[in-house]
Amino acid sequence: MKFQPRSFVTALLACVAAAGLVPAADAMTVQPVVIDLTTSGRSMSQVVTVENSFDKPLPVELRIETLDLTADGAKPTGKDSGELAVFPPQALIQPGQRQNFRVQYVGDPALARSKHYFVTVAQLPVQTSDTQSNIQLLYNFQVLVSISPDGAKPALSIASAEIGKNAEGAPAPVITVSNTSVAHGYLSRGRVRVVQFGPDGKEVLRKQLTGPELQQTIGYGLIGGGQTRRVTLPVTLPQPSGRVEAQFTPDS
């Protein structure tokens, strides 16, 4: 199935650094947007469901690329390592219908530490007639897929906390999160407590961020196996000086 328009416009709705996705209204929806797999057993694969909310057939293609983790998040490599497979790779979804795609790990079962991928659900352009507009708005959704070694669990902790600045320039806590396990984890699957003390040593703020709050503000907060990552928390501090302490508590 191949479609070649003369020109089109792409709208990319991306899952960047494990952030959540917001499906476009009256377009297509993709669920789930974060998948955790293991190297053997039933957890080697999972289904991604794409629903067509258009009033026309929706041609889609699923593309795979590996991710490199950085101190600030995840960076797409643009390369497919061949360790992940999708069935079927393409489909034509009728209006109001759903299509299931199976994502499966097919790499080395003796995985040393977690690996990460983007599976992009890409709406394909279609050929238009000369009487129609040749400008098409295409939607891409990126699904974060992570593979962890069998039996391994994440071990996230906050190694340090300091007073930094958020995107608006206001004082905010910046934490360094370390993961001593070979398995990846997520900040949003736990709680973060922040306490600020003024220059005189008195407590001026105490706040706890729940998993849903973290997911809505900073995304899922992916921390890879053996990774250390800096994260600016969505908290505005009352003072730009003093010190902050932070503690992470995973969900049981």
Protein backbone atom coordinates (compact mmCIF):
# COMPACT_ATOMS: atom_id res chain seq x y z
CA MET A 1 0.00 0.00 0.00
CA LYS A 2 1.76 3.16 -1.22
CA PHE A 3 0.42 6.68 -1.56
CA GLN A 4 2.27 9.58 -3.19
CA PRO A 5 0.62 13.03 -3.02
CA ARG A 6 2.08 16.05 -4.73
CA SER A 7 2.31 17.96 -1.47
CA PHE A 8 1.12 17.66 2.11
CA VAL A 9 1.52 19.09 5.59
CA THR A 10 2.44 16.86 8.54
CA ALA A 11 1.19 17.48 12.09
CA LEU A 12 3.34 15.52 14.52
CA LEU A 13 1.81 14.63 17.88
CA ALA A 14 4.85 13.15 19.56
CA CYS A 15 5.63 11.28 22.74
CA VAL A 16 8.84 13.14 23.59
CA ALA A 17 11.00 11.90 26.49
CA ALA A 18 8.17 9.61 27.56
CA ALA A 19 5.61 12.38 27.82
CA GLY A 20 1.92 11.60 27.38
CA LEU A 21 0.07 11.94 24.10
CA VAL A 22 -3.07 13.95 23.42
CA PRO A 23 -5.04 12.49 20.50
CA ALA A 24 -6.35 14.99 18.00
CA ALA A 25 -10.08 15.56 17.97
CA ASP A 26 -11.91 14.11 14.97
CA ALA A 27 -8.76 12.38 13.79
CA MET A 28 -7.38 9.11 15.14
CA THR A 29 -6.71 7.81 18.61
CA VAL A 30 -3.90 5.50 19.68
CA GLN A 31 -3.86 3.43 22.87
CA PRO A 32 -1.72 2.78 24.80
CA VAL A 33 1.06 5.32 24.31
CA VAL A 34 3.53 3.67 26.70
CA ILE A 35 4.33 -0.06 26.55
CA ASP A 36 6.56 -2.12 28.83
CA LEU A 37 7.74 -5.48 27.50
CA THR A 38 10.08 -8.22 28.71
CA THR A 39 12.34 -10.59 26.79
CA SER A 40 10.27 -13.77 27.21
CA GLY A 41 6.81 -15.08 28.00
CA ARG A 42 3.49 -13.35 27.49
CA SER A 43 4.97 -9.94 28.20
CA MET A 44 7.08 -10.11 25.04
CA SER A 45 4.23 -8.49 23.09
CA GLN A 46 1.33 -6.11 23.48
CA VAL A 47 -1.44 -4.76 21.28
CA VAL A 48 -1.69 -1.13 20.15
CA THR A 49 -5.18 -0.10 19.06
CA VAL A 50 -5.74 2.63 16.47
CA GLU A 51 -9.24 4.05 16.01
CA ASN A 52 -10.30 5.98 12.92
CA SER A 53 -12.47 8.98 13.86
CA PHE A 54 -12.39 10.40 10.34
CA ASP A 55 -15.31 10.10 7.93
CA LYS A 56 -12.96 8.55 5.36
CA PRO A 57 -10.74 5.44 5.31
CA LEU A 58 -7.50 5.94 7.24
CA PRO A 59 -4.27 4.45 5.82
CA VAL A 60 -1.60 4.07 8.51
CA GLU A 61 1.90 2.68 8.72
CA LEU A 62 3.85 1.75 11.87
CA ARG A 63 7.55 2.66 11.91
CA ILE A 64 10.16 1.66 14.48
CA GLU A 65 13.23 3.55 15.64
CA THR A 66 15.54 3.03 18.59
CA LEU A 67 16.09 5.67 21.28
CA ASP A 68 19.25 6.88 22.97
CA LEU A 69 18.74 8.07 26.53
CA THR A 70 20.34 11.37 27.54
CA ALA A 71 20.61 13.32 30.78
CA ASP A 72 17.55 15.32 29.70
CA GLY A 73 15.35 12.56 28.27
CA ALA A 74 15.37 10.42 25.13
CA LYS A 75 16.69 11.09 21.62
CA PRO A 76 15.39 9.24 18.53
CA THR A 77 18.16 7.71 16.42
CA GLY A 78 16.20 7.36 13.18
CA LYS A 79 17.39 3.74 12.97
CA ASP A 80 15.56 0.44 13.36
CA SER A 81 17.71 -2.17 15.13
CA GLY A 82 15.42 -5.02 14.07
CA GLU A 83 14.78 -6.03 17.69
CA LEU A 84 11.14 -5.01 17.59
CA ALA A 85 8.45 -6.23 15.19
CA VAL A 86 4.95 -4.94 14.39
CA PHE A 87 2.12 -7.00 12.88
CA PRO A 88 0.67 -5.81 10.53
CA PRO A 89 3.04 -3.01 9.54
CA GLN A 90 0.32 -1.23 7.50
CA ALA A 91 -3.46 -1.14 7.46
CA LEU A 92 -6.42 0.69 5.95
CA ILE A 93 -8.89 1.46 8.75
CA GLN A 94 -12.48 2.18 7.78
CA PRO A 95 -14.38 5.13 9.33
CA GLY A 96 -15.43 4.45 12.91
CA GLN A 97 -13.44 1.20 13.04
CA ARG A 98 -10.44 0.04 15.06
CA GLN A 99 -7.33 -1.88 14.07
CA ASN A 100 -5.11 -3.83 16.46
CA PHE A 101 -1.36 -3.93 15.86
CA ARG A 102 0.81 -6.36 17.81
CA VAL A 103 4.18 -5.03 18.98
CA GLN A 104 6.63 -7.80 19.88
CA TYR A 105 10.21 -8.01 21.07
CA VAL A 106 12.25 -10.34 18.83
CA GLY A 107 15.77 -9.44 20.01
CA ASP A 108 18.32 -11.14 22.27
CA PRO A 109 16.57 -12.78 25.26
CA ALA A 110 19.72 -12.21 27.37
CA LEU A 111 19.23 -8.46 27.52
CA ALA A 112 21.84 -6.69 29.66
CA ARG A 113 19.68 -3.64 30.44
CA SER A 114 16.50 -1.96 29.23
CA LYS A 115 16.19 -0.78 25.64
CA HIS A 116 13.79 1.81 24.29
CA TYR A 117 12.02 2.53 21.02
CA PHE A 118 9.51 4.82 19.37
CA VAL A 119 6.81 3.11 17.34
CA THR A 120 5.33 5.84 15.18
CA VAL A 121 1.76 5.40 14.00
CA ALA A 122 1.87 7.48 10.83
CA GLN A 123 -1.12 8.50 8.76
CA LEU A 124 -0.17 8.00 5.12
CA PRO A 125 -0.90 10.60 2.46
CA VAL A 126 -3.39 9.69 -0.26
CA GLN A 127 -3.50 10.66 -3.90
CA THR A 128 -6.00 13.45 -4.56
CA SER A 129 -7.70 14.43 -7.80
CA ASP A 130 -6.88 17.64 -9.64
CA THR A 131 -10.14 19.21 -8.42
CA GLN A 132 -9.26 18.66 -4.76
CA SER A 133 -6.82 20.48 -2.55
CA ASN A 134 -3.43 18.81 -2.54
CA ILE A 135 -2.64 20.04 0.99
CA GLN A 136 -3.16 17.23 3.49
CA LEU A 137 -2.89 17.34 7.27
CA LEU A 138 -1.29 14.11 8.48
CA TYR A 139 -1.12 12.89 12.07
CA ASN A 140 1.74 10.95 13.61
CA PHE A 141 1.55 9.40 17.08
CA GLN A 142 4.64 8.07 18.82
CA VAL A 143 4.29 5.14 21.21
CA LEU A 144 7.12 4.63 23.69
CA VAL A 145 8.12 0.95 23.91
CA SER A 146 10.60 -0.20 26.55
CA ILE A 147 12.07 -3.67 27.02
CA SER A 148 13.48 -4.76 30.38
CA PRO A 149 15.40 -7.91 31.34
CA ASP A 150 13.19 -10.62 32.81
CA GLY A 151 12.72 -10.34 36.55
CA ALA A 152 14.49 -6.99 36.92
CA LYS A 153 12.80 -4.14 38.78
CA PRO A 154 13.69 -0.42 38.70
CA ALA A 155 15.52 1.19 41.65
CA LEU A 156 14.90 4.93 41.40
CA SER A 157 16.16 7.41 43.96
CA ILE A 158 16.89 11.14 44.09
CA ALA A 159 20.63 11.61 44.33
CA SER A 160 20.53 15.39 44.78
CA ALA A 161 18.26 18.42 44.67
CA GLU A 162 19.03 22.08 44.04
CA ILE A 163 17.29 25.36 43.36
CA GLY A 164 17.14 26.11 39.66
CA LYS A 165 14.73 27.87 37.31
CA ASN A 166 11.74 26.70 35.34
CA ALA A 167 10.93 27.71 31.76
CA GLU A 168 9.45 31.00 32.97
CA GLY A 169 12.56 31.87 34.98
CA ALA A 170 10.94 31.32 38.37
CA PRO A 171 12.79 29.38 41.10
CA ALA A 172 12.04 25.65 40.91
CA PRO A 173 13.53 22.45 42.32
CA VAL A 174 15.87 20.58 39.99
CA ILE A 175 16.47 16.97 40.96
CA THR A 176 19.01 14.41 39.81
CA VAL A 177 17.39 10.99 39.62
CA SER A 178 19.49 7.84 39.50
CA ASN A 179 18.45 4.30 38.67
CA THR A 180 20.86 1.65 39.94
CA SER A 181 18.89 -1.21 38.34
CA VAL A 182 19.28 -2.61 34.82
CA ALA A 183 15.50 -2.14 34.39
CA HIS A 184 13.92 1.20 33.47
CA GLY A 185 11.44 3.02 35.68
CA TYR A 186 9.16 6.07 35.68
CA LEU A 187 8.95 9.01 38.07
CA SER A 188 5.21 9.11 37.43
CA ARG A 189 4.86 5.69 39.04
CA GLY A 190 5.56 7.08 42.46
CA ARG A 191 5.45 10.26 44.54
CA VAL A 192 7.98 13.05 44.96
CA ARG A 193 8.10 15.10 48.17
CA VAL A 194 9.78 18.51 48.02
CA VAL A 195 10.80 20.59 51.05
CA GLN A 196 12.45 24.01 50.85
CA PHE A 197 14.33 25.69 53.69
CA GLY A 198 15.13 29.39 53.72
CA PRO A 199 18.61 30.83 54.34
CA ASP A 200 17.77 30.89 58.05
CA GLY A 201 17.07 27.13 58.02
CA LYS A 202 13.31 27.47 58.49
CA GLU A 203 10.94 25.44 56.33
CA VAL A 204 9.15 27.62 53.79
CA LEU A 205 7.51 24.99 51.56
CA ARG A 206 6.47 21.36 51.73
CA LYS A 207 4.72 19.75 48.77
CA GLN A 208 4.06 16.25 47.50
CA LEU A 209 3.61 15.53 43.81
CA THR A 210 1.56 12.44 43.00
CA GLY A 211 2.14 10.20 40.00
CA PRO A 212 -0.82 11.63 38.03
CA GLU A 213 0.38 15.18 38.75
CA LEU A 214 3.86 14.34 37.49
CA GLN A 215 2.49 12.67 34.37
CA GLN A 216 0.33 15.68 33.52
CA THR A 217 3.21 18.14 33.91
CA ILE A 218 6.53 16.49 33.04
CA GLY A 219 5.29 13.32 31.33
CA TYR A 220 5.99 9.77 32.39
CA GLY A 221 9.52 10.61 33.51
CA LEU A 222 11.40 7.68 31.97
CA ILE A 223 14.63 6.77 33.77
CA GLY A 224 16.57 4.08 31.94
CA GLY A 225 18.51 1.22 33.46
CA GLY A 226 21.72 2.59 34.97
CA GLN A 227 20.74 6.13 33.92
CA THR A 228 21.08 9.42 35.77
CA ARG A 229 18.73 12.18 34.67
CA ARG A 230 18.10 15.79 35.71
CA VAL A 231 14.46 16.83 36.00
CA THR A 232 12.95 20.24 36.76
CA LEU A 233 9.91 19.65 38.95
CA PRO A 234 6.64 21.55 38.34
CA VAL A 235 6.85 23.47 41.63
CA THR A 236 7.36 27.22 41.97
CA LEU A 237 9.49 27.86 45.04
CA PRO A 238 8.65 30.84 47.28
CA GLN A 239 12.31 31.86 47.54
CA PRO A 240 15.25 31.77 45.11
CA SER A 241 17.71 31.06 47.92
CA GLY A 242 18.12 28.51 50.68
CA ARG A 243 18.12 24.80 49.96
CA VAL A 244 15.71 22.08 48.85
CA GLU A 245 15.35 18.42 49.70
CA ALA A 246 13.46 15.85 47.62
CA GLN A 247 12.49 12.23 48.14
CA PHE A 248 10.99 9.70 45.72
CA THR A 249 8.63 6.98 46.93
CA PRO A 250 7.65 4.33 44.36
CA ASP A 251 4.13 3.01 44.16
CA SER A 252 3.75 -0.33 45.90
